[in-house]
Amino acid sequence: MGVIIELQDVSKLYGFGDATTLALDEVNLSIEQNEFVAIMGPSGCGKSTLMNIIGLLDRPTHGEYKFNGRSAAKLSPDKRAKIRRDTIGFIFQSYNLLPRLTVLENVALPLAYKGMSLTRRLKLASNMLERVGLQDREYYYPRQLSGGQVQCVAIARALVNDPKLIIADEPTGNLDSASSRLVMELLGEIHKTGSGTILFVTHNPELTRYANRVVYMRDGSIMQDETTMFGEVAATALKQMYSIPETTVEDDLEGVSALMKAVPQKAAERTQPSAQKKKKTSKKSTRKTKARKRSTRV
């Protein structure tokens, strides 16, 4: 297997002067063909920026990126677009399907940019939908499908060009656990057939069981690169999963009662004078009433 992705001291800066943000900080990463790699890390750590550079959607500020042995810096805009079209499949969290096109037409869309005939591209799209188990939904519209089915359509669209690299940015972020499992099982099956290299970004440690390698990022840098076994949650991800504190209803109630006990005594004391004043006023009003009664009698 050859190296398909190679980053050497890649950095990415946004903004100017005091407003400069360092999104990637001298990242070194090498990924071989047919690897299934999970990218993990907190929000804002640079995962999406890294995916954009790898997918030739963005350029690094410093360092060198080689895709399939070719320097990305030397590629013209047209050549970059052609590589994205022919060899990279993108799967987004928000699906990005066109609502006015049927499922079949959405999947066939990338082939239209190649200039392929309508009959040929619809046939290939239909075959790909059969592969993801949605051939009976060819003439449905995206709004008529469940979230998991829509994401499977997005995967079919990403695979219809037979890409060498599949980039999935939070592919299960908007899905429930059952749909997430469906999507990840599908990606796992695709990987087993040797269709290409898969990179997927996730916050869910549980999903690392589908990868054979997990890269952990923080503050724009790669902190750890761990090889894992298929079917097992990565060791570092497992520690993170069980280190997150969980709060229960009982914890919330204890917090409320503790807060109520912590009310300063002075606040309670402030209410007492007002009560005493009320008593005094009530006594005065009683005396006045008695005096009026006496004067009426006289």
Protein backbone atom coordinates (compact mmCIF):
# COMPACT_ATOMS: atom_id res chain seq x y z
CA MET A 1 0.00 0.00 0.00
CA GLY A 2 1.24 3.45 -0.88
CA VAL A 3 0.86 6.71 0.99
CA ILE A 4 -2.13 8.72 -0.27
CA ILE A 5 -1.99 11.63 2.20
CA GLU A 6 1.17 13.27 3.49
CA LEU A 7 1.34 16.50 5.48
CA GLN A 8 4.68 17.98 6.55
CA ASP A 9 4.69 20.84 9.10
CA VAL A 10 1.34 22.09 7.81
CA SER A 11 0.01 25.25 9.50
CA LYS A 12 -3.07 27.29 8.75
CA LEU A 13 -3.58 30.90 9.85
CA TYR A 14 -6.74 32.98 9.57
CA GLY A 15 -6.96 36.74 9.98
CA PHE A 16 -4.27 39.42 10.31
CA GLY A 17 -2.32 41.11 13.08
CA ASP A 18 -3.87 40.83 16.53
CA ALA A 19 -6.89 39.03 15.06
CA THR A 20 -4.78 36.14 13.73
CA THR A 21 -6.07 32.66 14.61
CA LEU A 22 -3.84 29.59 14.40
CA ALA A 23 -6.15 26.81 13.18
CA LEU A 24 -3.40 24.24 12.48
CA ASP A 25 0.01 24.25 14.11
CA GLU A 26 2.77 22.34 12.22
CA VAL A 27 0.74 19.17 11.64
CA ASN A 28 2.59 16.08 10.42
CA LEU A 29 0.39 13.24 9.21
CA SER A 30 0.80 10.32 6.83
CA ILE A 31 -2.10 8.07 5.78
CA GLU A 32 -1.80 4.98 3.60
CA GLN A 33 -4.30 3.68 1.07
CA ASN A 34 -7.32 1.78 2.43
CA GLU A 35 -6.92 3.00 6.01
CA PHE A 36 -10.05 3.82 8.04
CA VAL A 37 -9.05 6.80 10.20
CA ALA A 38 -11.11 8.59 12.85
CA ILE A 39 -10.22 12.19 13.72
CA MET A 40 -11.24 13.20 17.26
CA GLY A 41 -10.92 16.33 19.36
CA PRO A 42 -12.92 19.13 20.99
CA SER A 43 -14.75 21.78 18.96
CA GLY A 44 -12.39 24.36 17.47
CA CYS A 45 -9.32 22.11 17.59
CA GLY A 46 -8.79 22.24 13.80
CA LYS A 47 -10.47 19.01 12.63
CA SER A 48 -12.57 20.61 9.89
CA THR A 49 -9.68 22.81 8.75
CA LEU A 50 -7.54 19.70 8.41
CA MET A 51 -10.28 17.96 6.38
CA ASN A 52 -10.62 21.00 4.09
CA ILE A 53 -6.88 21.00 3.35
CA ILE A 54 -6.79 17.23 2.78
CA GLY A 55 -9.85 17.51 0.51
CA LEU A 56 -8.19 20.30 -1.54
CA LEU A 57 -10.88 22.78 -0.50
CA ASP A 58 -8.31 24.99 1.23
CA ARG A 59 -4.56 25.63 1.12
CA PRO A 60 -2.10 25.59 4.04
CA THR A 61 -0.40 28.84 5.05
CA HIS A 62 2.87 27.01 5.71
CA GLY A 63 4.17 23.50 5.14
CA GLU A 64 3.63 20.98 2.36
CA TYR A 65 0.70 18.74 1.50
CA LYS A 66 1.06 15.87 -0.95
CA PHE A 67 -2.00 14.06 -2.27
CA ASN A 68 -1.23 10.72 -3.89
CA GLY A 69 2.42 11.72 -4.23
CA ARG A 70 1.73 15.10 -5.88
CA SER A 71 2.36 18.45 -4.23
CA ALA A 72 -0.99 20.24 -3.77
CA ALA A 73 0.73 23.65 -3.98
CA LYS A 74 1.71 22.97 -7.61
CA LEU A 75 -1.81 22.09 -8.73
CA SER A 76 -3.77 24.68 -10.72
CA PRO A 77 -7.34 25.52 -9.57
CA ASP A 78 -8.77 23.50 -12.47
CA LYS A 79 -6.61 20.49 -11.63
CA ARG A 80 -7.62 20.68 -7.95
CA ALA A 81 -11.28 20.78 -8.97
CA LYS A 82 -10.80 17.77 -11.25
CA ILE A 83 -9.13 15.74 -8.47
CA ARG A 84 -11.94 16.64 -6.04
CA ARG A 85 -14.51 15.57 -8.64
CA ASP A 86 -12.89 12.32 -9.73
CA THR A 87 -10.97 10.97 -6.72
CA ILE A 88 -12.46 12.45 -3.51
CA GLY A 89 -15.92 11.77 -2.09
CA PHE A 90 -17.32 14.20 0.50
CA ILE A 91 -19.95 13.29 3.10
CA PHE A 92 -21.24 16.23 5.12
CA GLN A 93 -23.12 16.40 8.41
CA SER A 94 -25.86 18.49 6.76
CA TYR A 95 -26.21 16.01 3.81
CA ASN A 96 -26.33 18.83 1.17
CA LEU A 97 -28.80 16.99 -1.05
CA LEU A 98 -30.82 19.08 -3.50
CA PRO A 99 -34.45 19.00 -2.29
CA ARG A 100 -36.00 19.37 -5.77
CA LEU A 101 -34.15 16.38 -7.20
CA THR A 102 -35.10 12.77 -6.59
CA VAL A 103 -32.78 10.44 -4.70
CA LEU A 104 -31.61 8.92 -8.00
CA GLU A 105 -30.92 12.34 -9.54
CA ASN A 106 -28.99 13.49 -6.45
CA VAL A 107 -26.72 10.45 -6.57
CA ALA A 108 -26.18 10.82 -10.33
CA LEU A 109 -25.31 14.52 -10.09
CA PRO A 110 -21.48 14.16 -9.75
CA LEU A 111 -21.44 12.07 -12.94
CA ALA A 112 -23.17 14.87 -14.87
CA TYR A 113 -20.11 17.08 -14.29
CA LYS A 114 -18.02 14.44 -16.05
CA GLY A 115 -20.12 14.79 -19.17
CA MET A 116 -21.48 11.25 -18.88
CA SER A 117 -24.69 10.43 -20.77
CA LEU A 118 -27.97 10.52 -18.83
CA THR A 119 -28.71 6.81 -19.31
CA ARG A 120 -25.24 5.78 -18.14
CA ARG A 121 -25.17 7.98 -15.04
CA LEU A 122 -28.67 6.97 -13.92
CA LYS A 123 -27.71 3.31 -14.24
CA LEU A 124 -24.54 3.79 -12.15
CA ALA A 125 -26.51 5.80 -9.57
CA SER A 126 -29.13 3.04 -9.35
CA ASN A 127 -26.42 0.42 -8.82
CA MET A 128 -24.91 2.53 -6.04
CA LEU A 129 -28.30 2.94 -4.33
CA GLU A 130 -28.73 -0.83 -4.47
CA ARG A 131 -25.35 -1.15 -2.75
CA VAL A 132 -26.50 1.06 0.15
CA GLY A 133 -29.90 -0.67 0.34
CA LEU A 134 -32.04 2.17 -1.02
CA GLN A 135 -32.82 1.13 -4.58
CA ASP A 136 -36.53 1.01 -3.72
CA ARG A 137 -36.35 4.73 -2.79
CA GLU A 138 -34.91 5.93 -6.12
CA TYR A 139 -37.84 8.19 -7.00
CA TYR A 140 -38.42 9.56 -3.50
CA TYR A 141 -37.41 13.09 -2.59
CA PRO A 142 -35.02 13.77 0.34
CA ARG A 143 -37.87 15.13 2.50
CA GLN A 144 -39.63 11.74 2.24
CA LEU A 145 -36.73 9.86 3.86
CA SER A 146 -35.54 9.44 7.43
CA GLY A 147 -32.30 11.10 8.59
CA GLY A 148 -30.37 7.83 8.33
CA GLN A 149 -31.68 7.14 4.84
CA VAL A 150 -30.79 10.67 3.68
CA GLN A 151 -27.23 10.21 4.95
CA CYS A 152 -27.02 6.85 3.13
CA VAL A 153 -28.05 8.67 -0.05
CA ALA A 154 -25.26 11.20 0.60
CA ILE A 155 -22.83 8.29 0.98
CA ALA A 156 -24.04 6.78 -2.31
CA ARG A 157 -23.47 10.15 -4.00
CA ALA A 158 -19.94 10.33 -2.53
CA LEU A 159 -19.15 6.80 -3.80
CA VAL A 160 -20.65 6.99 -7.29
CA ASN A 161 -17.34 8.25 -8.74
CA ASP A 162 -15.43 5.35 -7.14
CA PRO A 163 -13.17 7.78 -5.18
CA LYS A 164 -9.78 6.90 -3.74
CA LEU A 165 -10.50 9.01 -0.66
CA ILE A 166 -13.74 9.47 1.30
CA ILE A 167 -13.92 12.42 3.71
CA ALA A 168 -16.82 12.34 6.18
CA ASP A 169 -17.11 15.39 8.43
CA GLU A 170 -19.34 14.42 11.39
CA PRO A 171 -21.45 12.06 9.22
CA THR A 172 -23.59 10.97 12.20
CA GLY A 173 -23.79 14.32 13.99
CA ASN A 174 -27.50 14.88 13.20
CA LEU A 175 -28.59 11.25 13.60
CA ASP A 176 -29.97 9.14 16.43
CA SER A 177 -28.02 6.11 17.67
CA ALA A 178 -29.80 3.59 15.40
CA SER A 179 -29.25 5.71 12.27
CA SER A 180 -25.64 6.40 13.31
CA ARG A 181 -25.00 2.68 13.55
CA LEU A 182 -26.57 2.15 10.11
CA VAL A 183 -24.32 4.79 8.52
CA MET A 184 -21.15 3.53 10.22
CA GLU A 185 -21.91 -0.09 9.33
CA LEU A 186 -22.29 1.02 5.73
CA LEU A 187 -18.94 2.84 5.79
CA GLY A 188 -17.40 -0.25 7.41
CA GLU A 189 -18.73 -2.49 4.62
CA ILE A 190 -17.41 -0.08 2.00
CA HIS A 191 -13.99 -0.16 3.64
CA LYS A 192 -13.93 -3.98 3.73
CA THR A 193 -14.39 -4.08 -0.05
CA GLY A 194 -11.19 -2.04 -0.41
CA SER A 195 -12.98 0.82 -2.18
CA GLY A 196 -10.73 3.52 -0.74
CA THR A 197 -9.31 5.37 2.22
CA ILE A 198 -11.87 6.73 4.70
CA LEU A 199 -11.35 9.71 7.00
CA PHE A 200 -14.17 10.60 9.35
CA VAL A 201 -14.46 13.28 12.00
CA THR A 202 -16.41 12.42 15.14
CA HIS A 203 -17.00 13.52 18.74
CA ASN A 204 -18.40 10.10 19.68
CA PRO A 205 -15.79 7.74 21.21
CA GLU A 206 -18.12 4.79 20.54
CA LEU A 207 -17.67 5.21 16.76
CA THR A 208 -13.92 4.58 16.96
CA ARG A 209 -14.71 0.86 16.96
CA TYR A 210 -15.21 1.14 13.17
CA ALA A 211 -11.72 2.60 12.57
CA ASN A 212 -8.31 0.96 12.52
CA ARG A 213 -6.59 4.19 13.54
CA VAL A 214 -7.58 7.21 15.67
CA VAL A 215 -5.92 10.63 15.51
CA TYR A 216 -6.51 12.96 18.48
CA MET A 217 -6.27 16.74 17.98
CA ARG A 218 -6.11 19.69 20.36
CA ASP A 219 -5.41 23.38 19.73
CA GLY A 220 -4.53 22.78 16.08
CA SER A 221 -2.00 20.01 16.79
CA ILE A 222 -2.05 16.23 16.70
CA MET A 223 -1.63 15.07 20.28
CA GLN A 224 -1.79 11.32 19.71
CA ASP A 225 -1.99 8.82 16.86
CA GLU A 226 -3.32 5.43 17.96
CA THR A 227 -3.66 2.17 16.04
CA THR A 228 -6.78 0.23 17.07
CA MET A 229 -8.51 -3.08 16.47
CA PHE A 230 -11.72 -3.19 14.41
CA GLY A 231 -14.73 -3.67 16.66
CA GLU A 232 -13.07 -2.21 19.75
CA VAL A 233 -13.36 1.32 21.11
CA ALA A 234 -9.91 2.99 21.04
CA ALA A 235 -8.21 2.98 24.46
CA THR A 236 -7.76 6.75 24.70
CA ALA A 237 -11.33 7.38 23.47
CA LEU A 238 -12.60 4.89 26.07
CA LYS A 239 -10.90 6.86 28.85
CA GLN A 240 -12.49 10.07 27.58
CA MET A 241 -15.90 8.40 27.41
CA TYR A 242 -15.83 7.35 31.06
CA SER A 243 -14.16 10.49 32.36
CA ILE A 244 -17.10 12.72 31.37
CA PRO A 245 -19.16 13.33 34.55
CA GLU A 246 -22.85 12.57 34.28
CA THR A 247 -25.45 14.47 36.30
CA THR A 248 -28.70 12.93 37.49
CA VAL A 249 -31.99 14.39 38.70
CA GLU A 250 -30.89 13.68 42.28
CA ASP A 251 -27.71 15.72 41.70
CA ASP A 252 -29.80 18.64 40.45
CA LEU A 253 -32.13 18.46 43.47
CA GLU A 254 -29.18 18.36 45.86
CA GLY A 255 -27.75 21.40 44.14
CA VAL A 256 -31.03 23.30 44.52
CA SER A 257 -31.36 22.42 48.20
CA ALA A 258 -27.74 23.43 48.82
CA LEU A 259 -28.42 26.74 47.10
CA MET A 260 -31.46 27.38 49.25
CA LYS A 261 -29.49 26.59 52.42
CA ALA A 262 -26.84 29.05 51.32
CA VAL A 263 -29.26 32.02 51.36
CA PRO A 264 -27.66 34.61 53.68
CA GLN A 265 -29.15 34.90 57.13
CA LYS A 266 -29.38 38.66 56.66
CA ALA A 267 -32.00 38.20 53.96
CA ALA A 268 -34.14 36.30 56.43
CA GLU A 269 -33.56 38.94 59.10
CA ARG A 270 -34.71 41.69 56.75
CA THR A 271 -38.14 40.19 56.67
CA GLN A 272 -38.55 40.34 60.47
CA PRO A 273 -38.72 44.16 60.98
CA SER A 274 -41.39 44.40 58.34
CA ALA A 275 -43.40 41.79 60.22
CA GLN A 276 -42.94 43.73 63.50
CA LYS A 277 -44.03 46.94 61.79
CA LYS A 278 -47.14 45.19 60.58
CA LYS A 279 -47.90 44.11 64.14
CA LYS A 280 -47.40 47.67 65.45
CA THR A 281 -49.62 49.09 62.74
CA SER A 282 -52.28 46.54 63.48
CA LYS A 283 -52.16 47.49 67.20
CA LYS A 284 -52.49 51.20 66.37
CA SER A 285 -55.43 50.54 64.07
CA THR A 286 -57.14 48.54 66.86
CA ARG A 287 -56.68 51.41 69.32
CA LYS A 288 -58.11 53.91 66.83
CA THR A 289 -61.13 51.70 66.22
CA LYS A 290 -61.78 51.39 69.96
CA ALA A 291 -61.52 55.20 70.40
CA ARG A 292 -64.04 55.71 67.58
CA LYS A 293 -66.46 53.30 69.15
CA ARG A 294 -66.22 55.18 72.52
CA SER A 295 -66.85 58.56 70.89
CA THR A 296 -69.93 57.23 69.10
CA ARG A 297 -71.34 55.95 72.36
CA VAL A 298 -70.91 59.32 74.03
